Amino acid sequence: MTEPFVSVIVPTADRPDELRGCVAALTALDHPRERIEVIVVDDGGSADLGAAVAANPRMRVVRRPERGGPAAARNTGAAAAGGDVLAFTDDDCRPDPGWLRALTAELATTRRAAVGGRTINALAANPYAGASQHIQDLVYAHYNRNPAAASFFASNNLALPRADFLAIGGFDARRFPFASEDRDLCDRWLASGRTLRYAPGALVWHAHDLDLGGFTRQHVAYGRGAARFHAARAARGTGRLRDTATFHGDPSLWRESLRHHRRTVPLLVLWQLANAAGYALERGRRRTAVRSPQASRG
């Protein structure tokens, strides 16, 4: 069977060192070289990326004149792509050599499907990176219990047919410039009658170097993105907050963490607080924005 032609899209912004590691991993992929292209989208950065991408002759850089965020950068890459399949990862990720083969093998089993793989923390000594990875593992265990009927994948390990991606409008970069663009894409994908399938053999190593401030800011941003996601979903009638709020109160979440990840529990508490703070902040901003035109007319 002929392997599909795949466009791997990597958004980046002034992180040439992280990008260099990603490029090295993508150069070692176990996929026919004539059936792959790598598109690095420079999202309004000023750093010289030449040295970072020089190792891969199948790689090209597409530049955005202004920074628009990861969702906008991914859409720019998709518009420039020539592949039948789009595969997304991030500049701080290191895909396993068999990553694409695992994703495309699963894509071949179902029409109009998107496939997500498994992400593994590459920074074992960093407690904040470890906690963030544990949170994603909990999310996947909750939302993807049935691998053939999954409901959420992060955009750093995702593949889908380009035609279907374009048909649903790609990522909503206007509404989600900083977080939750992947949640929104997955929700619209499922609402369109398409399916999500989990391929845990499609491995990506994630080298997200976090400290306490970075961890907190990350999850405040996720909380803000969650508020926007739930507002968008309610507006199009694809779900309600209470349909997914059970995740944060799931007793098994805490039992699993206490049993196997006891040292991570304080950071899980901080995660919940930061997420709630971001959610409340975004809801407050939305209420202020709604009231402001009325006040100006009064």
C-alpha atoms as a PDB file:
ATOM      1  CA  MET A   1       0.000   0.000   0.000  1.00  0.00           C
ATOM      2  CA  THR A   2       1.293   3.444  -0.922  1.00  0.00           C
ATOM      3  CA  GLU A   3       1.853   5.664   2.072  1.00  0.00           C
ATOM      4  CA  PRO A   4      -0.189   8.906   2.045  1.00  0.00           C
ATOM      5  CA  PHE A   5       1.561  12.159   1.317  1.00  0.00           C
ATOM      6  CA  VAL A   6       1.764  13.926   4.683  1.00  0.00           C
ATOM      7  CA  SER A   7       2.359  17.578   5.470  1.00  0.00           C
ATOM      8  CA  VAL A   8       3.772  17.944   8.995  1.00  0.00           C
ATOM      9  CA  ILE A   9       3.059  21.427  10.338  1.00  0.00           C
ATOM     10  CA  VAL A  10       5.098  22.971  13.163  1.00  0.00           C
ATOM     11  CA  PRO A  11       4.230  26.455  14.493  1.00  0.00           C
ATOM     12  CA  THR A  12       7.072  28.362  16.145  1.00  0.00           C
ATOM     13  CA  ALA A  13       7.903  31.844  17.355  1.00  0.00           C
ATOM     14  CA  ASP A  14      11.454  32.831  18.323  1.00  0.00           C
ATOM     15  CA  ARG A  15      12.391  29.407  19.687  1.00  0.00           C
ATOM     16  CA  PRO A  16      15.163  28.167  17.368  1.00  0.00           C
ATOM     17  CA  ASP A  17      16.744  25.916  20.008  1.00  0.00           C
ATOM     18  CA  GLU A  18      13.487  24.054  20.656  1.00  0.00           C
ATOM     19  CA  LEU A  19      12.818  23.894  16.920  1.00  0.00           C
ATOM     20  CA  ARG A  20      16.226  22.334  16.230  1.00  0.00           C
ATOM     21  CA  GLY A  21      15.361  19.318  18.377  1.00  0.00           C
ATOM     22  CA  CYS A  22      11.994  18.937  16.689  1.00  0.00           C
ATOM     23  CA  VAL A  23      13.578  19.100  13.231  1.00  0.00           C
ATOM     24  CA  ALA A  24      16.100  16.417  14.163  1.00  0.00           C
ATOM     25  CA  ALA A  25      13.280  14.108  15.273  1.00  0.00           C
ATOM     26  CA  LEU A  26      11.221  14.782  12.139  1.00  0.00           C
ATOM     27  CA  THR A  27      14.244  14.074   9.947  1.00  0.00           C
ATOM     28  CA  ALA A  28      14.428  10.587  11.489  1.00  0.00           C
ATOM     29  CA  LEU A  29      10.781   9.672  10.839  1.00  0.00           C
ATOM     30  CA  ASP A  30      10.137   6.207   9.462  1.00  0.00           C
ATOM     31  CA  HIS A  31       8.109   7.423   6.494  1.00  0.00           C
ATOM     32  CA  PRO A  32       9.110   7.524   2.799  1.00  0.00           C
ATOM     33  CA  ARG A  33      10.908  10.817   2.271  1.00  0.00           C
ATOM     34  CA  GLU A  34       9.179  11.433  -1.045  1.00  0.00           C
ATOM     35  CA  ARG A  35       5.813  11.171   0.778  1.00  0.00           C
ATOM     36  CA  ILE A  36       6.416  13.835   3.417  1.00  0.00           C
ATOM     37  CA  GLU A  37       6.967  17.570   3.660  1.00  0.00           C
ATOM     38  CA  VAL A  38       7.597  19.588   6.814  1.00  0.00           C
ATOM     39  CA  ILE A  39       6.212  23.116   7.007  1.00  0.00           C
ATOM     40  CA  VAL A  40       7.577  25.302   9.788  1.00  0.00           C
ATOM     41  CA  VAL A  41       5.370  28.338  10.308  1.00  0.00           C
ATOM     42  CA  ASP A  42       7.304  31.281  11.735  1.00  0.00           C
ATOM     43  CA  ASP A  43       4.570  33.126  13.614  1.00  0.00           C
ATOM     44  CA  GLY A  44       5.833  36.703  13.417  1.00  0.00           C
ATOM     45  CA  GLY A  45       9.210  35.856  14.955  1.00  0.00           C
ATOM     46  CA  SER A  46      12.497  37.682  14.509  1.00  0.00           C
ATOM     47  CA  ALA A  47      14.943  34.810  15.140  1.00  0.00           C
ATOM     48  CA  ASP A  48      16.925  33.307  12.260  1.00  0.00           C
ATOM     49  CA  LEU A  49      15.609  29.768  11.749  1.00  0.00           C
ATOM     50  CA  GLY A  50      18.036  28.832   8.981  1.00  0.00           C
ATOM     51  CA  ALA A  51      20.364  26.742  11.142  1.00  0.00           C
ATOM     52  CA  ALA A  52      17.441  25.006  12.853  1.00  0.00           C
ATOM     53  CA  VAL A  53      15.870  23.750   9.631  1.00  0.00           C
ATOM     54  CA  ALA A  54      19.002  23.161   7.549  1.00  0.00           C
ATOM     55  CA  ALA A  55      19.192  19.458   8.438  1.00  0.00           C
ATOM     56  CA  ASN A  56      15.997  18.558   6.588  1.00  0.00           C
ATOM     57  CA  PRO A  57      15.845  19.132   2.803  1.00  0.00           C
ATOM     58  CA  ARG A  58      12.097  18.373   2.811  1.00  0.00           C
ATOM     59  CA  MET A  59      11.462  21.299   5.123  1.00  0.00           C
ATOM     60  CA  ARG A  60      10.349  24.798   4.240  1.00  0.00           C
ATOM     61  CA  VAL A  61       9.585  27.858   6.322  1.00  0.00           C
ATOM     62  CA  VAL A  62       6.409  29.882   5.844  1.00  0.00           C
ATOM     63  CA  ARG A  63       6.503  33.267   7.545  1.00  0.00           C
ATOM     64  CA  ARG A  64       3.608  35.194   9.017  1.00  0.00           C
ATOM     65  CA  PRO A  65       4.253  38.960   9.164  1.00  0.00           C
ATOM     66  CA  GLU A  66       2.528  39.335  12.538  1.00  0.00           C
ATOM     67  CA  ARG A  67       2.082  36.990  15.464  1.00  0.00           C
ATOM     68  CA  GLY A  68      -1.365  35.431  15.476  1.00  0.00           C
ATOM     69  CA  GLY A  69      -0.921  32.534  17.893  1.00  0.00           C
ATOM     70  CA  PRO A  70      -0.578  28.780  17.348  1.00  0.00           C
ATOM     71  CA  ALA A  71      -4.030  28.318  15.807  1.00  0.00           C
ATOM     72  CA  ALA A  72      -3.405  30.971  13.160  1.00  0.00           C
ATOM     73  CA  ALA A  73       0.044  29.544  12.455  1.00  0.00           C
ATOM     74  CA  ARG A  74      -1.365  26.042  11.977  1.00  0.00           C
ATOM     75  CA  ASN A  75      -4.006  27.373   9.591  1.00  0.00           C
ATOM     76  CA  THR A  76      -1.280  29.154   7.613  1.00  0.00           C
ATOM     77  CA  GLY A  77       0.628  25.881   7.364  1.00  0.00           C
ATOM     78  CA  ALA A  78      -2.471  23.984   6.272  1.00  0.00           C
ATOM     79  CA  ALA A  79      -3.159  26.546   3.532  1.00  0.00           C
ATOM     80  CA  ALA A  80       0.378  26.066   2.187  1.00  0.00           C
ATOM     81  CA  ALA A  81       0.354  22.267   2.509  1.00  0.00           C
ATOM     82  CA  GLY A  82       0.412  19.901  -0.441  1.00  0.00           C
ATOM     83  CA  GLY A  83      -0.283  16.733   1.504  1.00  0.00           C
ATOM     84  CA  ASP A  84      -3.485  14.710   1.621  1.00  0.00           C
ATOM     85  CA  VAL A  85      -2.928  14.349   5.378  1.00  0.00           C
ATOM     86  CA  LEU A  86      -2.014  17.092   7.841  1.00  0.00           C
ATOM     87  CA  ALA A  87      -0.020  16.132  10.934  1.00  0.00           C
ATOM     88  CA  PHE A  88       0.432  18.725  13.669  1.00  0.00           C
ATOM     89  CA  THR A  89       3.107  18.883  16.350  1.00  0.00           C
ATOM     90  CA  ASP A  90       4.900  21.664  18.258  1.00  0.00           C
ATOM     91  CA  ASP A  91       8.453  22.983  18.232  1.00  0.00           C
ATOM     92  CA  ASP A  92       9.163  21.590  21.711  1.00  0.00           C
ATOM     93  CA  CYS A  93       8.031  18.089  20.697  1.00  0.00           C
ATOM     94  CA  ARG A  94      10.140  15.174  19.522  1.00  0.00           C
ATOM     95  CA  PRO A  95       8.052  12.684  17.515  1.00  0.00           C
ATOM     96  CA  ASP A  96       9.108   9.052  17.720  1.00  0.00           C
ATOM     97  CA  PRO A  97      10.414   7.577  14.429  1.00  0.00           C
ATOM     98  CA  GLY A  98       7.220   5.516  14.050  1.00  0.00           C
ATOM     99  CA  TRP A  99       4.901   8.443  14.832  1.00  0.00           C
ATOM    100  CA  LEU A 100       3.585   9.047  11.314  1.00  0.00           C
ATOM    101  CA  ARG A 101       3.223   5.362  10.502  1.00  0.00           C
ATOM    102  CA  ALA A 102       1.063   4.854  13.584  1.00  0.00           C
ATOM    103  CA  LEU A 103      -1.108   7.875  12.784  1.00  0.00           C
ATOM    104  CA  THR A 104      -1.604   7.079   9.098  1.00  0.00           C
ATOM    105  CA  ALA A 105      -2.264   3.390   9.787  1.00  0.00           C
ATOM    106  CA  GLU A 106      -5.133   4.398  12.057  1.00  0.00           C
ATOM    107  CA  LEU A 107      -6.388   6.982   9.561  1.00  0.00           C
ATOM    108  CA  ALA A 108      -6.587   4.248   6.930  1.00  0.00           C
ATOM    109  CA  THR A 109      -9.102   2.287   9.010  1.00  0.00           C
ATOM    110  CA  THR A 110     -11.877   4.898   9.057  1.00  0.00           C
ATOM    111  CA  ARG A 111     -13.082   7.521   6.574  1.00  0.00           C
ATOM    112  CA  ARG A 112     -13.424  11.110   7.800  1.00  0.00           C
ATOM    113  CA  ALA A 113     -11.506  10.392  10.993  1.00  0.00           C
ATOM    114  CA  ALA A 114      -8.935  12.424  12.873  1.00  0.00           C
ATOM    115  CA  VAL A 115      -6.317  10.565  14.900  1.00  0.00           C
ATOM    116  CA  GLY A 116      -4.463  11.621  18.010  1.00  0.00           C
ATOM    117  CA  GLY A 117      -1.467   9.951  19.602  1.00  0.00           C
ATOM    118  CA  ARG A 118       0.135   9.709  23.010  1.00  0.00           C
ATOM    119  CA  THR A 119       2.396  12.419  24.405  1.00  0.00           C
ATOM    120  CA  ILE A 120       5.121  11.637  26.954  1.00  0.00           C
ATOM    121  CA  ASN A 121       7.010  14.082  29.168  1.00  0.00           C
ATOM    122  CA  ALA A 122      10.643  14.284  28.047  1.00  0.00           C
ATOM    123  CA  LEU A 123      11.817  16.268  31.107  1.00  0.00           C
ATOM    124  CA  ALA A 124      11.660  13.745  33.931  1.00  0.00           C
ATOM    125  CA  ALA A 125      13.536  16.036  36.353  1.00  0.00           C
ATOM    126  CA  ASN A 126      11.109  18.953  35.889  1.00  0.00           C
ATOM    127  CA  PRO A 127       8.159  18.587  38.320  1.00  0.00           C
ATOM    128  CA  TYR A 128       6.066  21.192  36.509  1.00  0.00           C
ATOM    129  CA  ALA A 129       6.464  19.506  33.130  1.00  0.00           C
ATOM    130  CA  GLY A 130       5.677  16.193  34.815  1.00  0.00           C
ATOM    131  CA  ALA A 131       2.528  17.597  36.415  1.00  0.00           C
ATOM    132  CA  SER A 132       1.333  19.066  33.129  1.00  0.00           C
ATOM    133  CA  GLN A 133       1.856  15.712  31.427  1.00  0.00           C
ATOM    134  CA  HIS A 134      -0.010  13.920  34.224  1.00  0.00           C
ATOM    135  CA  ILE A 135      -2.927  16.337  33.750  1.00  0.00           C
ATOM    136  CA  GLN A 136      -3.045  15.547  30.033  1.00  0.00           C
ATOM    137  CA  ASP A 137      -2.956  11.837  30.836  1.00  0.00           C
ATOM    138  CA  LEU A 138      -5.943  12.300  33.149  1.00  0.00           C
ATOM    139  CA  VAL A 139      -7.789  14.259  30.468  1.00  0.00           C
ATOM    140  CA  TYR A 140      -7.170  11.549  27.868  1.00  0.00           C
ATOM    141  CA  ALA A 141      -8.216   8.788  30.286  1.00  0.00           C
ATOM    142  CA  HIS A 142     -11.490  10.644  30.901  1.00  0.00           C
ATOM    143  CA  TYR A 143     -12.394  11.712  27.369  1.00  0.00           C
ATOM    144  CA  ASN A 144     -10.855   8.898  25.318  1.00  0.00           C
ATOM    145  CA  ARG A 145     -11.907   5.804  27.250  1.00  0.00           C
ATOM    146  CA  ASN A 146     -13.013   4.220  23.972  1.00  0.00           C
ATOM    147  CA  PRO A 147     -10.088   4.663  21.523  1.00  0.00           C
ATOM    148  CA  ALA A 148     -12.444   4.248  18.545  1.00  0.00           C
ATOM    149  CA  ALA A 149     -14.815   6.950  19.817  1.00  0.00           C
ATOM    150  CA  ALA A 150     -12.555   9.543  21.394  1.00  0.00           C
ATOM    151  CA  SER A 151     -13.584  13.142  22.024  1.00  0.00           C
ATOM    152  CA  PHE A 152     -10.436  15.228  22.552  1.00  0.00           C
ATOM    153  CA  PHE A 153      -6.859  15.406  21.278  1.00  0.00           C
ATOM    154  CA  ALA A 154      -4.236  18.066  21.885  1.00  0.00           C
ATOM    155  CA  SER A 155      -2.894  19.760  18.783  1.00  0.00           C
ATOM    156  CA  ASN A 156       0.735  18.734  19.396  1.00  0.00           C
ATOM    157  CA  ASN A 157      -0.030  15.147  18.307  1.00  0.00           C
ATOM    158  CA  LEU A 158      -2.842  15.116  15.773  1.00  0.00           C
ATOM    159  CA  ALA A 159      -3.363  14.013  12.168  1.00  0.00           C
ATOM    160  CA  LEU A 160      -6.365  14.366   9.879  1.00  0.00           C
ATOM    161  CA  PRO A 161      -7.310  14.548   6.200  1.00  0.00           C
ATOM    162  CA  ARG A 162      -6.558  18.007   4.813  1.00  0.00           C
ATOM    163  CA  ALA A 163      -9.848  18.145   2.879  1.00  0.00           C
ATOM    164  CA  ASP A 164     -11.874  17.521   6.034  1.00  0.00           C
ATOM    165  CA  PHE A 165      -9.820  20.015   8.025  1.00  0.00           C
ATOM    166  CA  LEU A 166     -10.534  22.719   5.465  1.00  0.00           C
ATOM    167  CA  ALA A 167     -14.203  21.688   5.184  1.00  0.00           C
ATOM    168  CA  ILE A 168     -14.870  22.496   8.847  1.00  0.00           C
ATOM    169  CA  GLY A 169     -12.920  25.755   8.681  1.00  0.00           C
ATOM    170  CA  GLY A 170      -9.677  24.698  10.386  1.00  0.00           C
ATOM    171  CA  PHE A 171      -8.804  26.120  13.788  1.00  0.00           C
ATOM    172  CA  ASP A 172     -10.811  29.102  15.005  1.00  0.00           C
ATOM    173  CA  ALA A 173      -7.848  31.446  15.403  1.00  0.00           C
ATOM    174  CA  ARG A 174      -9.977  34.523  16.036  1.00  0.00           C
ATOM    175  CA  ARG A 175     -11.807  33.110  19.048  1.00  0.00           C
ATOM    176  CA  PHE A 176      -8.949  30.961  20.356  1.00  0.00           C
ATOM    177  CA  PRO A 177      -5.644  32.796  19.877  1.00  0.00           C
ATOM    178  CA  PHE A 178      -3.935  31.332  22.957  1.00  0.00           C
ATOM    179  CA  ALA A 179      -5.653  28.121  24.181  1.00  0.00           C
ATOM    180  CA  SER A 180      -8.472  25.604  23.598  1.00  0.00           C
ATOM    181  CA  GLU A 181      -8.330  25.796  19.817  1.00  0.00           C
ATOM    182  CA  ASP A 182      -7.854  22.021  19.822  1.00  0.00           C
ATOM    183  CA  ARG A 183     -10.884  21.422  22.060  1.00  0.00           C
ATOM    184  CA  ASP A 184     -12.973  23.577  19.750  1.00  0.00           C
ATOM    185  CA  LEU A 185     -11.702  21.834  16.617  1.00  0.00           C
ATOM    186  CA  CYS A 186     -12.481  18.391  18.084  1.00  0.00           C
ATOM    187  CA  ASP A 187     -15.976  19.496  19.107  1.00  0.00           C
ATOM    188  CA  ARG A 188     -16.778  20.878  15.641  1.00  0.00           C
ATOM    189  CA  TRP A 189     -15.229  17.792  14.041  1.00  0.00           C
ATOM    190  CA  LEU A 190     -17.542  15.470  15.976  1.00  0.00           C
ATOM    191  CA  ALA A 191     -20.563  17.735  15.437  1.00  0.00           C
ATOM    192  CA  SER A 192     -19.986  17.454  11.669  1.00  0.00           C
ATOM    193  CA  GLY A 193     -20.458  13.683  11.830  1.00  0.00           C
ATOM    194  CA  ARG A 194     -16.757  12.843  11.691  1.00  0.00           C
ATOM    195  CA  THR A 195     -14.948  10.662  14.228  1.00  0.00           C
ATOM    196  CA  LEU A 196     -11.886  10.830  16.486  1.00  0.00           C
ATOM    197  CA  ARG A 197      -9.684   7.787  17.024  1.00  0.00           C
ATOM    198  CA  TYR A 198      -6.913   7.367  19.583  1.00  0.00           C
ATOM    199  CA  ALA A 199      -3.632   5.754  18.492  1.00  0.00           C
ATOM    200  CA  PRO A 200      -1.485   5.434  21.649  1.00  0.00           C
ATOM    201  CA  GLY A 201       1.334   3.982  19.565  1.00  0.00           C
ATOM    202  CA  ALA A 202       1.833   7.357  17.865  1.00  0.00           C
ATOM    203  CA  LEU A 203       4.357   8.722  20.358  1.00  0.00           C
ATOM    204  CA  VAL A 204       5.599  12.262  20.810  1.00  0.00           C
ATOM    205  CA  TRP A 205       8.097  13.301  23.500  1.00  0.00           C
ATOM    206  CA  HIS A 206       7.261  16.729  24.917  1.00  0.00           C
ATOM    207  CA  ALA A 207      10.131  18.882  26.230  1.00  0.00           C
ATOM    208  CA  HIS A 208       8.093  21.733  27.735  1.00  0.00           C
ATOM    209  CA  ASP A 209      10.489  23.368  30.196  1.00  0.00           C
ATOM    210  CA  LEU A 210       8.271  24.943  32.868  1.00  0.00           C
ATOM    211  CA  ASP A 211       8.829  26.676  36.192  1.00  0.00           C
ATOM    212  CA  LEU A 212       6.228  27.607  38.794  1.00  0.00           C
ATOM    213  CA  GLY A 213       5.268  30.848  37.053  1.00  0.00           C
ATOM    214  CA  GLY A 214       5.081  29.177  33.644  1.00  0.00           C
ATOM    215  CA  PHE A 215       2.964  26.332  35.000  1.00  0.00           C
ATOM    216  CA  THR A 216       0.546  28.780  36.633  1.00  0.00           C
ATOM    217  CA  ARG A 217       0.275  31.001  33.553  1.00  0.00           C
ATOM    218  CA  GLN A 218      -0.268  27.968  31.351  1.00  0.00           C
ATOM    219  CA  HIS A 219      -3.263  26.794  33.342  1.00  0.00           C
ATOM    220  CA  VAL A 220      -4.737  30.275  33.767  1.00  0.00           C
ATOM    221  CA  ALA A 221      -4.633  30.473  29.954  1.00  0.00           C
ATOM    222  CA  TYR A 222      -6.282  27.053  29.701  1.00  0.00           C
ATOM    223  CA  GLY A 223      -9.023  28.257  32.033  1.00  0.00           C
ATOM    224  CA  ARG A 224      -9.582  31.342  29.870  1.00  0.00           C
ATOM    225  CA  GLY A 225      -9.674  29.132  26.796  1.00  0.00           C
ATOM    226  CA  ALA A 226     -12.168  26.813  28.497  1.00  0.00           C
ATOM    227  CA  ALA A 227     -14.521  29.736  29.131  1.00  0.00           C
ATOM    228  CA  ARG A 228     -14.381  30.688  25.463  1.00  0.00           C
ATOM    229  CA  PHE A 229     -14.851  27.071  24.430  1.00  0.00           C
ATOM    230  CA  HIS A 230     -17.973  26.578  26.525  1.00  0.00           C
ATOM    231  CA  ALA A 231     -19.437  29.857  25.267  1.00  0.00           C
ATOM    232  CA  ALA A 232     -18.791  28.831  21.638  1.00  0.00           C
ATOM    233  CA  ARG A 233     -20.209  25.364  22.183  1.00  0.00           C
ATOM    234  CA  ALA A 234     -23.338  26.699  23.848  1.00  0.00           C
ATOM    235  CA  ALA A 235     -23.861  29.159  20.998  1.00  0.00           C
ATOM    236  CA  ARG A 236     -23.762  26.428  18.343  1.00  0.00           C
ATOM    237  CA  GLY A 237     -25.730  23.947  20.462  1.00  0.00           C
ATOM    238  CA  THR A 238     -23.114  21.202  20.675  1.00  0.00           C
ATOM    239  CA  GLY A 239     -22.980  20.901  24.448  1.00  0.00           C
ATOM    240  CA  ARG A 240     -23.233  22.502  27.862  1.00  0.00           C
ATOM    241  CA  LEU A 241     -20.744  23.195  30.640  1.00  0.00           C
ATOM    242  CA  ARG A 242     -22.300  20.614  32.943  1.00  0.00           C
ATOM    243  CA  ASP A 243     -21.687  17.908  30.319  1.00  0.00           C
ATOM    244  CA  THR A 244     -17.923  18.152  30.918  1.00  0.00           C
ATOM    245  CA  ALA A 245     -17.679  19.710  34.400  1.00  0.00           C
ATOM    246  CA  THR A 246     -17.740  16.232  35.942  1.00  0.00           C
ATOM    247  CA  PHE A 247     -14.097  15.781  34.926  1.00  0.00           C
ATOM    248  CA  HIS A 248     -12.759  18.180  37.575  1.00  0.00           C
ATOM    249  CA  GLY A 249     -14.792  16.528  40.324  1.00  0.00           C
ATOM    250  CA  ASP A 250     -14.118  12.950  39.237  1.00  0.00           C
ATOM    251  CA  PRO A 251     -13.000  11.046  42.389  1.00  0.00           C
ATOM    252  CA  SER A 252     -10.975   8.604  40.290  1.00  0.00           C
ATOM    253  CA  LEU A 253      -8.832  11.535  39.122  1.00  0.00           C
ATOM    254  CA  TRP A 254      -7.650  12.167  42.656  1.00  0.00           C
ATOM    255  CA  ARG A 255      -7.453   8.494  43.629  1.00  0.00           C
ATOM    256  CA  GLU A 256      -5.149   7.778  40.691  1.00  0.00           C
ATOM    257  CA  SER A 257      -2.956  10.755  41.551  1.00  0.00           C
ATOM    258  CA  LEU A 258      -2.741   9.891  45.262  1.00  0.00           C
ATOM    259  CA  ARG A 259      -1.888   6.274  44.449  1.00  0.00           C
ATOM    260  CA  HIS A 260       0.784   6.815  41.798  1.00  0.00           C
ATOM    261  CA  HIS A 261       1.659  10.527  41.663  1.00  0.00           C
ATOM    262  CA  ARG A 262       1.557  11.695  45.290  1.00  0.00           C
ATOM    263  CA  ARG A 263       4.288  14.312  44.830  1.00  0.00           C
ATOM    264  CA  THR A 264       2.262  15.864  42.016  1.00  0.00           C
ATOM    265  CA  VAL A 265      -0.873  16.482  44.112  1.00  0.00           C
ATOM    266  CA  PRO A 266       0.075  20.033  45.303  1.00  0.00           C
ATOM    267  CA  LEU A 267       0.576  21.042  41.667  1.00  0.00           C
ATOM    268  CA  LEU A 268      -2.761  19.463  40.773  1.00  0.00           C
ATOM    269  CA  VAL A 269      -4.393  21.679  43.398  1.00  0.00           C
ATOM    270  CA  LEU A 270      -2.628  24.703  41.870  1.00  0.00           C
ATOM    271  CA  TRP A 271      -3.820  23.538  38.430  1.00  0.00           C
ATOM    272  CA  GLN A 272      -7.444  23.514  39.595  1.00  0.00           C
ATOM    273  CA  LEU A 273      -7.115  26.950  41.202  1.00  0.00           C
ATOM    274  CA  ALA A 274      -5.336  28.491  38.193  1.00  0.00           C
ATOM    275  CA  ASN A 275      -7.832  26.954  35.786  1.00  0.00           C
ATOM    276  CA  ALA A 276     -10.768  28.262  37.816  1.00  0.00           C
ATOM    277  CA  ALA A 277      -9.166  31.716  38.060  1.00  0.00           C
ATOM    278  CA  GLY A 278      -8.654  31.858  34.290  1.00  0.00           C
ATOM    279  CA  TYR A 279     -12.211  30.731  33.681  1.00  0.00           C
ATOM    280  CA  ALA A 280     -13.605  33.390  36.049  1.00  0.00           C
ATOM    281  CA  LEU A 281     -11.362  36.066  34.532  1.00  0.00           C
ATOM    282  CA  GLU A 282     -12.564  35.330  31.015  1.00  0.00           C
ATOM    283  CA  ARG A 283     -16.208  35.173  32.054  1.00  0.00           C
ATOM    284  CA  GLY A 284     -15.798  38.538  33.782  1.00  0.00           C
ATOM    285  CA  ARG A 285     -14.274  40.045  30.654  1.00  0.00           C
ATOM    286  CA  ARG A 286     -17.130  38.719  28.557  1.00  0.00           C
ATOM    287  CA  ARG A 287     -19.735  40.215  30.892  1.00  0.00           C
ATOM    288  CA  THR A 288     -17.922  43.565  30.844  1.00  0.00           C
ATOM    289  CA  ALA A 289     -17.780  43.491  27.036  1.00  0.00           C
ATOM    290  CA  VAL A 290     -21.522  42.797  26.842  1.00  0.00           C
ATOM    291  CA  ARG A 291     -22.407  45.586  29.270  1.00  0.00           C
ATOM    292  CA  SER A 292     -20.088  48.213  27.785  1.00  0.00           C
ATOM    293  CA  PRO A 293     -22.128  48.986  24.620  1.00  0.00           C
ATOM    294  CA  GLN A 294     -25.273  49.301  26.713  1.00  0.00           C
ATOM    295  CA  ALA A 295     -23.538  51.650  29.142  1.00  0.00           C
ATOM    296  CA  SER A 296     -22.249  53.830  26.308  1.00  0.00           C
ATOM    297  CA  ARG A 297     -25.764  54.148  24.886  1.00  0.00           C
ATOM    298  CA  GLY A 298     -27.204  55.070  28.262  1.00  0.00           C
END
